[in-house]
PDB file of N, CA and C in Angstrom:
ATOM      1  N   GLU A   1       5.787 -17.807   8.688  1.00  0.00           N
ATOM      2  CA  GLU A   1       6.861 -16.548   9.521  1.00  0.00           C
ATOM      3  C   GLU A   1       6.997 -15.371   9.135  1.00  0.00           C
ATOM      4  N   VAL A   2       6.820 -14.329  10.118  1.00  0.00           N
ATOM      5  CA  VAL A   2       6.896 -13.047   9.688  1.00  0.00           C
ATOM      6  C   VAL A   2       8.191 -12.418  10.068  1.00  0.00           C
ATOM      7  N   HIS A   3       8.594 -11.495   8.660  1.00  0.00           N
ATOM      8  CA  HIS A   3       9.940 -10.817   8.803  1.00  0.00           C
ATOM      9  C   HIS A   3      10.027  -9.441   8.594  1.00  0.00           C
ATOM     10  N   PHE A   4      10.767  -8.639   9.304  1.00  0.00           N
ATOM     11  CA  PHE A   4      10.976  -7.152   9.010  1.00  0.00           C
ATOM     12  C   PHE A   4      11.259  -7.004   7.484  1.00  0.00           C
ATOM     13  N   SER A   5      10.735  -6.129   7.020  1.00  0.00           N
ATOM     14  CA  SER A   5      11.381  -5.736   5.718  1.00  0.00           C
ATOM     15  C   SER A   5      11.529  -4.233   5.562  1.00  0.00           C
ATOM     16  N   PRO A   6      12.834  -3.963   4.829  1.00  0.00           N
ATOM     17  CA  PRO A   6      13.088  -2.536   4.598  1.00  0.00           C
ATOM     18  C   PRO A   6      12.700  -2.192   3.372  1.00  0.00           C
ATOM     19  N   PHE A   7      12.782  -0.841   2.939  1.00  0.00           N
ATOM     20  CA  PHE A   7      12.050  -0.335   1.814  1.00  0.00           C
ATOM     21  C   PHE A   7      12.369  -1.161   0.610  1.00  0.00           C
ATOM     22  N   VAL A   8      11.288  -1.378  -0.383  1.00  0.00           N
ATOM     23  CA  VAL A   8      11.386  -2.579  -1.426  1.00  0.00           C
ATOM     24  C   VAL A   8      11.281  -1.685  -2.738  1.00  0.00           C
ATOM     25  N   GLU A   9      12.112  -1.512  -3.546  1.00  0.00           N
ATOM     26  CA  GLU A   9      12.213  -0.681  -4.749  1.00  0.00           C
ATOM     27  C   GLU A   9      11.175  -1.360  -5.762  1.00  0.00           C
ATOM     28  N   HIS A  10      10.295  -0.805  -6.550  1.00  0.00           N
ATOM     29  CA  HIS A  10       9.604  -1.278  -7.411  1.00  0.00           C
ATOM     30  C   HIS A  10      10.599  -2.019  -8.590  1.00  0.00           C
ATOM     31  N   PRO A  11      10.328  -3.341  -8.929  1.00  0.00           N
ATOM     32  CA  PRO A  11      11.430  -4.015  -9.750  1.00  0.00           C
ATOM     33  C   PRO A  11      11.391  -3.437 -11.418  1.00  0.00           C
ATOM     34  N   GLU A  12      10.724  -2.517 -11.607  1.00  0.00           N
ATOM     35  CA  GLU A  12      10.326  -1.932 -13.363  1.00  0.00           C
ATOM     36  C   GLU A  12      10.320  -0.502 -13.119  1.00  0.00           C
ATOM     37  N   ILE A  13       9.844   0.181 -12.156  1.00  0.00           N
ATOM     38  CA  ILE A  13       9.387   1.806 -11.981  1.00  0.00           C
ATOM     39  C   ILE A  13      10.409   2.514 -11.290  1.00  0.00           C
ATOM     40  N   PRO A  14      11.398   3.149 -12.021  1.00  0.00           N
ATOM     41  CA  PRO A  14      12.313   4.067 -11.185  1.00  0.00           C
ATOM     42  C   PRO A  14      11.599   4.885 -10.245  1.00  0.00           C
ATOM     43  N   ASN A  15      12.251   5.407  -9.089  1.00  0.00           N
ATOM     44  CA  ASN A  15      11.711   6.332  -8.070  1.00  0.00           C
ATOM     45  C   ASN A  15      10.429   5.864  -7.570  1.00  0.00           C
ATOM     46  N   CYS A  16      10.423   4.327  -7.080  1.00  0.00           N
ATOM     47  CA  CYS A  16       9.023   4.253  -6.962  1.00  0.00           C
ATOM     48  C   CYS A  16       9.155   2.766  -5.939  1.00  0.00           C
ATOM     49  N   GLY A  17       8.529   2.597  -4.582  1.00  0.00           N
ATOM     50  CA  GLY A  17       8.757   1.594  -3.911  1.00  0.00           C
ATOM     51  C   GLY A  17       8.060   1.662  -2.814  1.00  0.00           C
ATOM     52  N   ALA A  18       7.964   0.348  -1.946  1.00  0.00           N
ATOM     53  CA  ALA A  18       7.023   0.325  -0.898  1.00  0.00           C
ATOM     54  C   ALA A  18       7.831  -0.099   0.408  1.00  0.00           C
ATOM     55  N   SER A  19       6.942   0.275   1.523  1.00  0.00           N
ATOM     56  CA  SER A  19       7.722  -0.062   2.931  1.00  0.00           C
ATOM     57  C   SER A  19       6.717  -0.944   3.513  1.00  0.00           C
ATOM     58  N   PRO A  20       6.811  -2.080   3.330  1.00  0.00           N
ATOM     59  CA  PRO A  20       5.786  -3.039   3.938  1.00  0.00           C
ATOM     60  C   PRO A  20       6.119  -3.324   5.401  1.00  0.00           C
ATOM     61  N   ASP A  21       4.943  -3.242   5.965  1.00  0.00           N
ATOM     62  CA  ASP A  21       4.987  -3.376   7.671  1.00  0.00           C
ATOM     63  C   ASP A  21       5.626  -4.750   7.854  1.00  0.00           C
ATOM     64  N   ARG A  22       5.511  -5.677   7.209  1.00  0.00           N
ATOM     65  CA  ARG A  22       6.185  -6.964   7.538  1.00  0.00           C
ATOM     66  C   ARG A  22       5.847  -7.779   6.313  1.00  0.00           C
ATOM     67  N   LEU A  23       6.673  -8.899   6.009  1.00  0.00           N
ATOM     68  CA  LEU A  23       6.710  -9.784   4.667  1.00  0.00           C
ATOM     69  C   LEU A  23       6.313 -11.170   5.534  1.00  0.00           C
ATOM     70  N   VAL A  24       5.546 -11.966   4.956  1.00  0.00           N
ATOM     71  CA  VAL A  24       5.037 -13.208   5.504  1.00  0.00           C
ATOM     72  C   VAL A  24       5.293 -14.703   4.908  1.00  0.00           C
ATOM     73  N   GLY A  25       6.261 -15.177   5.098  1.00  0.00           N
ATOM     74  CA  GLY A  25       6.960 -16.208   4.406  1.00  0.00           C
ATOM     75  C   GLY A  25       7.828 -15.798   3.323  1.00  0.00           C
ATOM     76  N   ASP A  26       7.356 -16.587   2.119  1.00  0.00           N
ATOM     77  CA  ASP A  26       7.992 -16.254   0.827  1.00  0.00           C
ATOM     78  C   ASP A  26       6.941 -15.813  -0.062  1.00  0.00           C
ATOM     79  N   VAL A  27       5.974 -15.566   0.222  1.00  0.00           N
ATOM     80  CA  VAL A  27       4.696 -15.533  -0.428  1.00  0.00           C
ATOM     81  C   VAL A  27       3.849 -14.243  -0.248  1.00  0.00           C
ATOM     82  N   GLY A  28       3.687 -13.693   1.119  1.00  0.00           N
ATOM     83  CA  GLY A  28       2.861 -12.714   1.369  1.00  0.00           C
ATOM     84  C   GLY A  28       3.506 -11.673   1.953  1.00  0.00           C
ATOM     85  N   GLY A  29       2.635 -10.464   2.446  1.00  0.00           N
ATOM     86  CA  GLY A  29       2.973  -9.497   3.003  1.00  0.00           C
ATOM     87  C   GLY A  29       1.889  -8.957   4.114  1.00  0.00           C
ATOM     88  N   LEU A  30       2.072  -8.213   4.607  1.00  0.00           N
ATOM     89  CA  LEU A  30       1.275  -7.594   6.127  1.00  0.00           C
ATOM     90  C   LEU A  30       1.336  -6.330   6.113  1.00  0.00           C
ATOM     91  N   GLU A  31       0.165  -5.454   6.104  1.00  0.00           N
ATOM     92  CA  GLU A  31      -0.037  -4.161   6.512  1.00  0.00           C
ATOM     93  C   GLU A  31      -1.150  -3.970   7.818  1.00  0.00           C
ATOM     94  N   ILE A  32      -0.542  -3.358   8.615  1.00  0.00           N
ATOM     95  CA  ILE A  32      -1.202  -3.260   9.813  1.00  0.00           C
ATOM     96  C   ILE A  32      -1.863  -1.775   9.938  1.00  0.00           C
ATOM     97  N   LYS A  33      -3.116  -1.611  10.342  1.00  0.00           N
ATOM     98  CA  LYS A  33      -3.830  -0.515  10.426  1.00  0.00           C
ATOM     99  C   LYS A  33      -4.373  -0.136  11.933  1.00  0.00           C
ATOM    100  N   CYS A  34      -4.269   0.717  12.441  1.00  0.00           N
ATOM    101  CA  CYS A  34      -5.035   1.381  13.692  1.00  0.00           C
ATOM    102  C   CYS A  34      -5.840   2.235  13.440  1.00  0.00           C
ATOM    103  N   PRO A  35      -7.004   2.150  12.696  1.00  0.00           N
ATOM    104  CA  PRO A  35      -8.054   3.415  12.291  1.00  0.00           C
ATOM    105  C   PRO A  35      -8.726   4.048  13.504  1.00  0.00           C
ATOM    106  N   LEU A  36      -9.293   5.110  13.325  1.00  0.00           N
ATOM    107  CA  LEU A  36      -9.975   5.874  14.048  1.00  0.00           C
ATOM    108  C   LEU A  36     -11.277   4.829  14.473  1.00  0.00           C
ATOM    109  N   GLU A  37     -11.860   5.008  15.574  1.00  0.00           N
ATOM    110  CA  GLU A  37     -12.984   4.246  16.048  1.00  0.00           C
ATOM    111  C   GLU A  37     -14.119   3.894  15.200  1.00  0.00           C
ATOM    112  N   ARG A  38     -14.549   5.100  14.532  1.00  0.00           N
ATOM    113  CA  ARG A  38     -15.725   5.128  13.430  1.00  0.00           C
ATOM    114  C   ARG A  38     -15.166   4.145  12.196  1.00  0.00           C
ATOM    115  N   ASN A  39     -13.853   4.299  11.797  1.00  0.00           N
ATOM    116  CA  ASN A  39     -13.457   3.610  10.512  1.00  0.00           C
ATOM    117  C   ASN A  39     -13.196   2.185  11.138  1.00  0.00           C
ATOM    118  N   HIS A  40     -12.912   1.712  12.078  1.00  0.00           N
ATOM    119  CA  HIS A  40     -12.716   0.198  12.679  1.00  0.00           C
ATOM    120  C   HIS A  40     -14.038  -0.025  12.682  1.00  0.00           C
ATOM    121  N   LEU A  41     -15.066   0.509  13.035  1.00  0.00           N
ATOM    122  CA  LEU A  41     -16.451  -0.164  13.352  1.00  0.00           C
ATOM    123  C   LEU A  41     -17.025  -0.209  11.796  1.00  0.00           C
ATOM    124  N   LYS A  42     -16.837   0.698  11.181  1.00  0.00           N
ATOM    125  CA  LYS A  42     -17.157   0.629   9.656  1.00  0.00           C
ATOM    126  C   LYS A  42     -16.730  -0.762   9.037  1.00  0.00           C
ATOM    127  N   PHE A  43     -15.472  -1.051   9.271  1.00  0.00           N
ATOM    128  CA  PHE A  43     -14.948  -2.090   8.661  1.00  0.00           C
ATOM    129  C   PHE A  43     -15.386  -3.392   9.250  1.00  0.00           C
ATOM    130  N   ILE A  44     -15.706  -3.554  10.492  1.00  0.00           N
ATOM    131  CA  ILE A  44     -16.102  -4.582  11.445  1.00  0.00           C
ATOM    132  C   ILE A  44     -17.633  -4.718  10.640  1.00  0.00           C
ATOM    133  N   MET A  45     -18.444  -3.705  10.533  1.00  0.00           N
ATOM    134  CA  MET A  45     -19.740  -3.847  10.263  1.00  0.00           C
ATOM    135  C   MET A  45     -19.886  -4.379   8.731  1.00  0.00           C
ATOM    136  N   SER A  46     -19.068  -3.844   7.777  1.00  0.00           N
ATOM    137  CA  SER A  46     -19.142  -4.137   6.509  1.00  0.00           C
ATOM    138  C   SER A  46     -18.072  -4.971   5.734  1.00  0.00           C
ATOM    139  N   GLY A  47     -17.193  -5.165   6.378  1.00  0.00           N
ATOM    140  CA  GLY A  47     -15.985  -6.087   5.693  1.00  0.00           C
ATOM    141  C   GLY A  47     -15.256  -5.237   4.608  1.00  0.00           C
ATOM    142  N   ALA A  48     -15.743  -4.244   4.293  1.00  0.00           N
ATOM    143  CA  ALA A  48     -15.149  -3.402   3.224  1.00  0.00           C
ATOM    144  C   ALA A  48     -14.086  -2.724   3.491  1.00  0.00           C
ATOM    145  N   VAL A  49     -12.840  -3.104   2.594  1.00  0.00           N
ATOM    146  CA  VAL A  49     -11.566  -2.361   2.615  1.00  0.00           C
ATOM    147  C   VAL A  49     -11.555  -0.962   2.009  1.00  0.00           C
ATOM    148  N   ASP A  50     -10.999   0.193   2.926  1.00  0.00           N
ATOM    149  CA  ASP A  50     -10.675   1.301   2.545  1.00  0.00           C
ATOM    150  C   ASP A  50     -10.053   1.219   1.227  1.00  0.00           C
ATOM    151  N   LYS A  51     -10.416   1.899   0.313  1.00  0.00           N
ATOM    152  CA  LYS A  51      -9.658   2.005  -1.130  1.00  0.00           C
ATOM    153  C   LYS A  51      -8.487   2.378  -1.149  1.00  0.00           C
ATOM    154  N   GLU A  52      -7.944   3.325  -0.464  1.00  0.00           N
ATOM    155  CA  GLU A  52      -6.650   3.636  -0.172  1.00  0.00           C
ATOM    156  C   GLU A  52      -5.800   2.662   0.370  1.00  0.00           C
ATOM    157  N   TYR A  53      -6.030   1.819   1.506  1.00  0.00           N
ATOM    158  CA  TYR A  53      -5.420   0.553   2.194  1.00  0.00           C
ATOM    159  C   TYR A  53      -5.528  -0.485   0.985  1.00  0.00           C
ATOM    160  N   PHE A  54      -6.641  -0.587   0.176  1.00  0.00           N
ATOM    161  CA  PHE A  54      -6.493  -1.520  -0.901  1.00  0.00           C
ATOM    162  C   PHE A  54      -5.203  -1.548  -1.768  1.00  0.00           C
ATOM    163  N   TRP A  55      -5.104  -0.060  -2.085  1.00  0.00           N
ATOM    164  CA  TRP A  55      -4.120   0.147  -2.981  1.00  0.00           C
ATOM    165  C   TRP A  55      -2.673   0.075  -2.561  1.00  0.00           C
ATOM    166  N   GLN A  56      -2.837   0.615  -1.233  1.00  0.00           N
ATOM    167  CA  GLN A  56      -1.488   0.343  -0.605  1.00  0.00           C
ATOM    168  C   GLN A  56      -0.669  -1.025  -0.774  1.00  0.00           C
ATOM    169  N   CYS A  57      -1.693  -2.119  -0.134  1.00  0.00           N
ATOM    170  CA  CYS A  57      -1.562  -3.433  -0.343  1.00  0.00           C
ATOM    171  C   CYS A  57      -1.055  -3.986  -1.571  1.00  0.00           C
ATOM    172  N   MET A  58      -2.086  -3.766  -2.687  1.00  0.00           N
ATOM    173  CA  MET A  58      -1.618  -3.959  -4.244  1.00  0.00           C
ATOM    174  C   MET A  58      -0.420  -3.442  -4.563  1.00  0.00           C
ATOM    175  N   HIS A  59       0.039  -2.352  -3.969  1.00  0.00           N
ATOM    176  CA  HIS A  59       1.299  -1.770  -4.396  1.00  0.00           C
ATOM    177  C   HIS A  59       2.375  -2.565  -3.485  1.00  0.00           C
ATOM    178  N   GLY A  60       2.071  -2.936  -2.413  1.00  0.00           N
ATOM    179  CA  GLY A  60       3.141  -3.614  -1.818  1.00  0.00           C
ATOM    180  C   GLY A  60       3.337  -5.224  -2.539  1.00  0.00           C
ATOM    181  N   ILE A  61       2.291  -5.767  -3.055  1.00  0.00           N
ATOM    182  CA  ILE A  61       2.195  -6.975  -3.878  1.00  0.00           C
ATOM    183  C   ILE A  61       3.154  -6.823  -5.244  1.00  0.00           C
ATOM    184  N   ALA A  62       2.711  -5.744  -5.799  1.00  0.00           N
ATOM    185  CA  ALA A  62       3.632  -5.427  -7.058  1.00  0.00           C
ATOM    186  C   ALA A  62       5.211  -5.068  -7.021  1.00  0.00           C
ATOM    187  N   CYS A  63       5.356  -4.367  -5.681  1.00  0.00           N
ATOM    188  CA  CYS A  63       6.705  -4.172  -5.410  1.00  0.00           C
ATOM    189  C   CYS A  63       7.851  -5.143  -4.974  1.00  0.00           C
ATOM    190  N   THR A  64       6.937  -6.139  -4.193  1.00  0.00           N
ATOM    191  CA  THR A  64       7.541  -7.209  -3.592  1.00  0.00           C
ATOM    192  C   THR A  64       7.417  -8.957  -4.591  1.00  0.00           C
ATOM    193  N   LYS A  65       6.680  -8.686  -5.745  1.00  0.00           N
ATOM    194  CA  LYS A  65       6.237  -9.693  -6.321  1.00  0.00           C
ATOM    195  C   LYS A  65       5.551 -10.874  -5.526  1.00  0.00           C
ATOM    196  N   ARG A  66       4.753 -10.770  -4.388  1.00  0.00           N
ATOM    197  CA  ARG A  66       4.360 -11.829  -3.727  1.00  0.00           C
ATOM    198  C   ARG A  66       2.999 -12.063  -3.899  1.00  0.00           C
ATOM    199  N   ASN A  67       2.491 -12.990  -3.676  1.00  0.00           N
ATOM    200  CA  ASN A  67       0.964 -13.704  -4.068  1.00  0.00           C
ATOM    201  C   ASN A  67      -0.288 -12.898  -3.259  1.00  0.00           C
ATOM    202  N   TRP A  68       0.095 -12.307  -2.124  1.00  0.00           N
ATOM    203  CA  TRP A  68      -1.051 -12.032  -1.423  1.00  0.00           C
ATOM    204  C   TRP A  68      -0.564 -10.873  -0.243  1.00  0.00           C
ATOM    205  N   TRP A  69      -1.419 -10.162   0.295  1.00  0.00           N
ATOM    206  CA  TRP A  69      -1.101  -9.168   1.505  1.00  0.00           C
ATOM    207  C   TRP A  69      -2.207  -9.395   2.512  1.00  0.00           C
ATOM    208  N   ASP A  70      -1.982  -9.382   3.656  1.00  0.00           N
ATOM    209  CA  ASP A  70      -2.988  -9.192   4.717  1.00  0.00           C
ATOM    210  C   ASP A  70      -3.099  -7.918   5.289  1.00  0.00           C
ATOM    211  N   LEU A  71      -4.188  -7.350   5.376  1.00  0.00           N
ATOM    212  CA  LEU A  71      -4.788  -6.293   5.893  1.00  0.00           C
ATOM    213  C   LEU A  71      -5.304  -6.547   7.102  1.00  0.00           C
ATOM    214  N   TYR A  72      -4.477  -6.111   8.134  1.00  0.00           N
ATOM    215  CA  TYR A  72      -5.020  -6.307   9.680  1.00  0.00           C
ATOM    216  C   TYR A  72      -5.444  -4.875  10.188  1.00  0.00           C
ATOM    217  N   TYR A  73      -6.738  -4.878  10.642  1.00  0.00           N
ATOM    218  CA  TYR A  73      -7.317  -3.891  11.247  1.00  0.00           C
ATOM    219  C   TYR A  73      -7.042  -4.285  12.921  1.00  0.00           C
ATOM    220  N   TYR A  74      -6.895  -3.152  13.763  1.00  0.00           N
ATOM    221  CA  TYR A  74      -6.645  -3.142  15.021  1.00  0.00           C
ATOM    222  C   TYR A  74      -7.056  -1.958  15.768  1.00  0.00           C
ATOM    223  N   HIS A  75      -7.880  -2.046  16.817  1.00  0.00           N
ATOM    224  CA  HIS A  75      -8.304  -0.916  17.627  1.00  0.00           C
ATOM    225  C   HIS A  75      -8.387  -1.622  19.085  1.00  0.00           C
ATOM    226  N   PRO A  76      -7.683  -0.788  20.079  1.00  0.00           N
ATOM    227  CA  PRO A  76      -7.472  -1.416  21.533  1.00  0.00           C
ATOM    228  C   PRO A  76      -8.718  -1.082  22.328  1.00  0.00           C
ATOM    229  N   ASP A  77      -9.505  -0.196  21.930  1.00  0.00           N
ATOM    230  CA  ASP A  77     -10.888   0.420  22.800  1.00  0.00           C
ATOM    231  C   ASP A  77     -12.032  -0.624  22.429  1.00  0.00           C
ATOM    232  N   PHE A  78     -12.078  -1.620  21.604  1.00  0.00           N
ATOM    233  CA  PHE A  78     -13.123  -2.216  21.368  1.00  0.00           C
ATOM    234  C   PHE A  78     -12.984  -3.478  22.140  1.00  0.00           C
ATOM    235  N   PRO A  79     -14.166  -4.377  22.337  1.00  0.00           N
ATOM    236  CA  PRO A  79     -14.083  -5.451  23.115  1.00  0.00           C
ATOM    237  C   PRO A  79     -13.153  -6.460  22.528  1.00  0.00           C
ATOM    238  N   PRO A  80     -12.717  -7.268  23.389  1.00  0.00           N
ATOM    239  CA  PRO A  80     -11.607  -8.439  22.996  1.00  0.00           C
ATOM    240  C   PRO A  80     -12.124  -8.887  21.542  1.00  0.00           C
ATOM    241  N   ASN A  81     -13.096  -9.267  21.425  1.00  0.00           N
ATOM    242  CA  ASN A  81     -13.588 -10.155  20.139  1.00  0.00           C
ATOM    243  C   ASN A  81     -13.861  -9.291  19.103  1.00  0.00           C
ATOM    244  N   LEU A  82     -13.820  -7.966  19.025  1.00  0.00           N
ATOM    245  CA  LEU A  82     -13.780  -7.068  17.774  1.00  0.00           C
ATOM    246  C   LEU A  82     -12.728  -6.083  17.905  1.00  0.00           C
ATOM    247  N   GLN A  83     -11.825  -6.416  18.448  1.00  0.00           N
ATOM    248  CA  GLN A  83     -10.452  -5.344  18.416  1.00  0.00           C
ATOM    249  C   GLN A  83      -9.720  -5.544  17.264  1.00  0.00           C
ATOM    250  N   SER A  84      -9.971  -6.850  16.483  1.00  0.00           N
ATOM    251  CA  SER A  84      -8.929  -6.886  15.337  1.00  0.00           C
ATOM    252  C   SER A  84      -9.829  -7.605  14.420  1.00  0.00           C
ATOM    253  N   ARG A  85      -9.332  -7.437  13.081  1.00  0.00           N
ATOM    254  CA  ARG A  85      -9.879  -8.500  11.998  1.00  0.00           C
ATOM    255  C   ARG A  85      -8.842  -8.338  10.765  1.00  0.00           C
ATOM    256  N   ARG A  86      -8.765  -9.203  10.114  1.00  0.00           N
ATOM    257  CA  ARG A  86      -7.877  -9.569   8.902  1.00  0.00           C
ATOM    258  C   ARG A  86      -8.482  -9.721   7.678  1.00  0.00           C
ATOM    259  N   VAL A  87      -8.031  -9.124   6.623  1.00  0.00           N
ATOM    260  CA  VAL A  87      -8.844  -9.390   5.305  1.00  0.00           C
ATOM    261  C   VAL A  87      -7.295  -9.832   4.380  1.00  0.00           C
ATOM    262  N   ARG A  88      -7.423 -10.878   3.694  1.00  0.00           N
ATOM    263  CA  ARG A  88      -6.659 -11.056   2.552  1.00  0.00           C
ATOM    264  C   ARG A  88      -6.879 -10.618   1.078  1.00  0.00           C
ATOM    265  N   ILE A  89      -5.904 -10.043   0.939  1.00  0.00           N
ATOM    266  CA  ILE A  89      -5.862  -9.355  -0.530  1.00  0.00           C
ATOM    267  C   ILE A  89      -5.160  -9.926  -1.672  1.00  0.00           C
ATOM    268  N   ALA A  90      -5.630 -10.559  -2.458  1.00  0.00           N
ATOM    269  CA  ALA A  90      -4.778 -11.554  -3.485  1.00  0.00           C
ATOM    270  C   ALA A  90      -4.378 -10.556  -4.633  1.00  0.00           C
ATOM    271  N   ARG A  91      -3.425 -10.999  -5.315  1.00  0.00           N
ATOM    272  CA  ARG A  91      -2.937 -10.428  -6.379  1.00  0.00           C
ATOM    273  C   ARG A  91      -3.664 -10.393  -7.299  1.00  0.00           C
ATOM    274  N   ASP A  92      -3.721  -9.009  -8.091  1.00  0.00           N
ATOM    275  CA  ASP A  92      -4.810  -8.907  -9.138  1.00  0.00           C
ATOM    276  C   ASP A  92      -4.176  -8.244 -10.185  1.00  0.00           C
ATOM    277  N   ALA A  93      -3.378  -9.120 -11.424  1.00  0.00           N
ATOM    278  CA  ALA A  93      -2.758  -8.526 -12.330  1.00  0.00           C
ATOM    279  C   ALA A  93      -3.535  -7.461 -13.085  1.00  0.00           C
ATOM    280  N   GLU A  94      -4.808  -7.299 -13.377  1.00  0.00           N
ATOM    281  CA  GLU A  94      -5.158  -6.282 -13.913  1.00  0.00           C
ATOM    282  C   GLU A  94      -5.156  -4.873 -12.928  1.00  0.00           C
ATOM    283  N   GLN A  95      -5.274  -5.093 -11.603  1.00  0.00           N
ATOM    284  CA  GLN A  95      -5.198  -3.832 -10.714  1.00  0.00           C
ATOM    285  C   GLN A  95      -3.849  -3.622 -10.600  1.00  0.00           C
ATOM    286  N   ILE A  96      -2.828  -4.256 -10.816  1.00  0.00           N
ATOM    287  CA  ILE A  96      -1.584  -3.926 -10.564  1.00  0.00           C
ATOM    288  C   ILE A  96      -1.023  -3.169 -11.862  1.00  0.00           C
ATOM    289  N   ALA A  97      -1.599  -3.512 -13.047  1.00  0.00           N
ATOM    290  CA  ALA A  97      -1.483  -2.953 -14.289  1.00  0.00           C
ATOM    291  C   ALA A  97      -2.056  -1.570 -14.245  1.00  0.00           C
ATOM    292  N   LEU A  98      -3.008  -1.522 -13.783  1.00  0.00           N
ATOM    293  CA  LEU A  98      -3.998   0.055 -13.723  1.00  0.00           C
ATOM    294  C   LEU A  98      -3.166   0.609 -12.560  1.00  0.00           C
ATOM    295  N   LEU A  99      -2.609   0.277 -11.735  1.00  0.00           N
ATOM    296  CA  LEU A  99      -1.882   0.876 -10.356  1.00  0.00           C
ATOM    297  C   LEU A  99      -0.571   1.635 -11.189  1.00  0.00           C
ATOM    298  N   GLU A 100       0.242   0.698 -12.025  1.00  0.00           N
ATOM    299  CA  GLU A 100       1.540   0.677 -12.404  1.00  0.00           C
ATOM    300  C   GLU A 100       1.267   1.720 -13.512  1.00  0.00           C
ATOM    301  N   ARG A 101       0.447   1.996 -14.227  1.00  0.00           N
ATOM    302  CA  ARG A 101       0.003   2.895 -15.261  1.00  0.00           C
ATOM    303  C   ARG A 101      -0.091   4.272 -14.702  1.00  0.00           C
ATOM    304  N   GLU A 102      -0.874   4.313 -13.476  1.00  0.00           N
ATOM    305  CA  GLU A 102      -1.218   5.523 -12.828  1.00  0.00           C
ATOM    306  C   GLU A 102       0.286   6.074 -12.295  1.00  0.00           C
ATOM    307  N   ILE A 103       0.952   5.221 -11.713  1.00  0.00           N
ATOM    308  CA  ILE A 103       2.399   5.564 -11.094  1.00  0.00           C
ATOM    309  C   ILE A 103       3.302   6.227 -12.196  1.00  0.00           C
ATOM    310  N   ARG A 104       3.121   5.763 -13.190  1.00  0.00           N
ATOM    311  CA  ARG A 104       4.111   6.005 -14.375  1.00  0.00           C
ATOM    312  C   ARG A 104       3.692   7.660 -14.888  1.00  0.00           C
ATOM    313  N   ILE A 105       2.207   7.850 -14.671  1.00  0.00           N
ATOM    314  CA  ILE A 105       1.730   9.007 -15.279  1.00  0.00           C
ATOM    315  C   ILE A 105       1.973  10.081 -14.247  1.00  0.00           C
ATOM    316  N   PHE A 106       1.854   9.748 -13.003  1.00  0.00           N
ATOM    317  CA  PHE A 106       2.451  10.712 -11.983  1.00  0.00           C
ATOM    318  C   PHE A 106       3.835  10.945 -11.831  1.00  0.00           C
ATOM    319  N   ASN A 107       4.476   9.927 -12.277  1.00  0.00           N
ATOM    320  CA  ASN A 107       6.159  10.171 -12.105  1.00  0.00           C
ATOM    321  C   ASN A 107       6.602  11.206 -13.307  1.00  0.00           C
ATOM    322  N   ALA A 108       5.572  10.882 -14.610  1.00  0.00           N
ATOM    323  CA  ALA A 108       5.916  11.920 -15.658  1.00  0.00           C
ATOM    324  C   ALA A 108       5.724  13.085 -15.173  1.00  0.00           C
ATOM    325  N   GLU A 109       4.578  13.465 -14.555  1.00  0.00           N
ATOM    326  CA  GLU A 109       3.884  14.824 -14.086  1.00  0.00           C
ATOM    327  C   GLU A 109       5.185  15.482 -13.063  1.00  0.00           C
ATOM    328  N   VAL A 110       5.575  14.584 -12.284  1.00  0.00           N
ATOM    329  CA  VAL A 110       6.552  15.033 -11.431  1.00  0.00           C
ATOM    330  C   VAL A 110       7.876  15.637 -12.278  1.00  0.00           C
ATOM    331  N   ASP A 111       8.292  14.686 -12.998  1.00  0.00           N
ATOM    332  CA  ASP A 111       9.604  15.144 -13.855  1.00  0.00           C
ATOM    333  C   ASP A 111       9.304  16.528 -14.521  1.00  0.00           C
ATOM    334  N   GLU A 112       7.979  16.614 -15.112  1.00  0.00           N
ATOM    335  CA  GLU A 112       7.737  17.855 -15.930  1.00  0.00           C
ATOM    336  C   GLU A 112       7.766  19.029 -14.948  1.00  0.00           C
ATOM    337  N   ALA A 113       7.437  18.654 -13.746  1.00  0.00           N
ATOM    338  CA  ALA A 113       7.078  20.024 -12.523  1.00  0.00           C
ATOM    339  C   ALA A 113       8.848  20.263 -12.085  1.00  0.00           C
ATOM    340  N   ILE A 114       9.541  19.351 -11.967  1.00  0.00           N
ATOM    341  CA  ILE A 114      10.856  19.382 -11.428  1.00  0.00           C
ATOM    342  C   ILE A 114      11.641  20.205 -12.792  1.00  0.00           C
ATOM    343  N   ALA A 115      11.553  19.899 -14.211  1.00  0.00           N
ATOM    344  CA  ALA A 115      11.935  20.738 -15.094  1.00  0.00           C
ATOM    345  C   ALA A 115      11.431  21.932 -15.078  1.00  0.00           C
ATOM    346  N   GLU A 116      10.341  22.313 -15.028  1.00  0.00           N
ATOM    347  CA  GLU A 116       9.788  23.833 -14.837  1.00  0.00           C
ATOM    348  C   GLU A 116      10.404  24.378 -13.565  1.00  0.00           C
ATOM    349  N   LEU A 117      10.338  23.877 -12.727  1.00  0.00           N
ATOM    350  CA  LEU A 117      11.142  24.793 -11.371  1.00  0.00           C
ATOM    351  C   LEU A 117      12.729  24.980 -11.786  1.00  0.00           C
ATOM    352  N   LYS A 118      13.291  24.330 -12.379  1.00  0.00           N
ATOM    353  CA  LYS A 118      14.849  24.270 -12.896  1.00  0.00           C
ATOM    354  C   LYS A 118      14.800  25.454 -13.580  1.00  0.00           C
ATOM    355  N   LYS A 119      13.750  25.696 -14.753  1.00  0.00           N
ATOM    356  CA  LYS A 119      14.097  26.755 -15.422  1.00  0.00           C
ATOM    357  C   LYS A 119      13.642  27.974 -14.762  1.00  0.00           C
ATOM    358  N   ILE A 120      12.705  27.901 -13.943  1.00  0.00           N
ATOM    359  CA  ILE A 120      12.575  29.022 -13.132  1.00  0.00           C
ATOM    360  C   ILE A 120      13.458  29.355 -12.116  1.00  0.00           C
ATOM    361  N   GLN A 121      14.181  28.548 -11.662  1.00  0.00           N
ATOM    362  CA  GLN A 121      15.552  28.842 -10.639  1.00  0.00           C
ATOM    363  C   GLN A 121      16.334  29.223 -11.245  1.00  0.00           C
ATOM    364  N   GLU A 122      16.664  28.901 -12.913  1.00  0.00           N
ATOM    365  CA  GLU A 122      17.624  29.390 -13.470  1.00  0.00           C
ATOM    366  C   GLU A 122      17.276  31.070 -14.089  1.00  0.00           C
ATOM    367  N   ALA A 123      16.336  31.172 -14.189  1.00  0.00           N
ATOM    368  CA  ALA A 123      15.911  32.454 -14.807  1.00  0.00           C
ATOM    369  C   ALA A 123      15.897  33.536 -13.363  1.00  0.00           C
ATOM    370  N   ALA A 124      15.973  32.890 -12.379  1.00  0.00           N
ATOM    371  CA  ALA A 124      15.885  33.964 -11.138  1.00  0.00           C
ATOM    372  C   ALA A 124      17.238  34.431 -10.895  1.00  0.00           C
TER     373      ALA A 124
END
């Protein structure tokens, strides 16, 4: 069963969250993409998931604490049997740990930039 999902805050990282396209049952999620024709064709031909989409799905898994995420590609201009493809991305604790580490580094950089901007604003 597929359910609408509001924005989901990360359970451990402040100022971080995901907006899943849908949640599936109690254990999965869904991300739907309608890529450019050349990117849709590339996925159909190779089955290789775009890195950006992979990390988006892994982030959804991390935020929702789900077990897997289905990435669904769709393009209406392809023949019916080539219009859509789905790939399931499983929870990967190592990849999630790497992602969360990078998010924490990014958040620290944002905090530093905000502090610097406040100093500049106060001095002006």
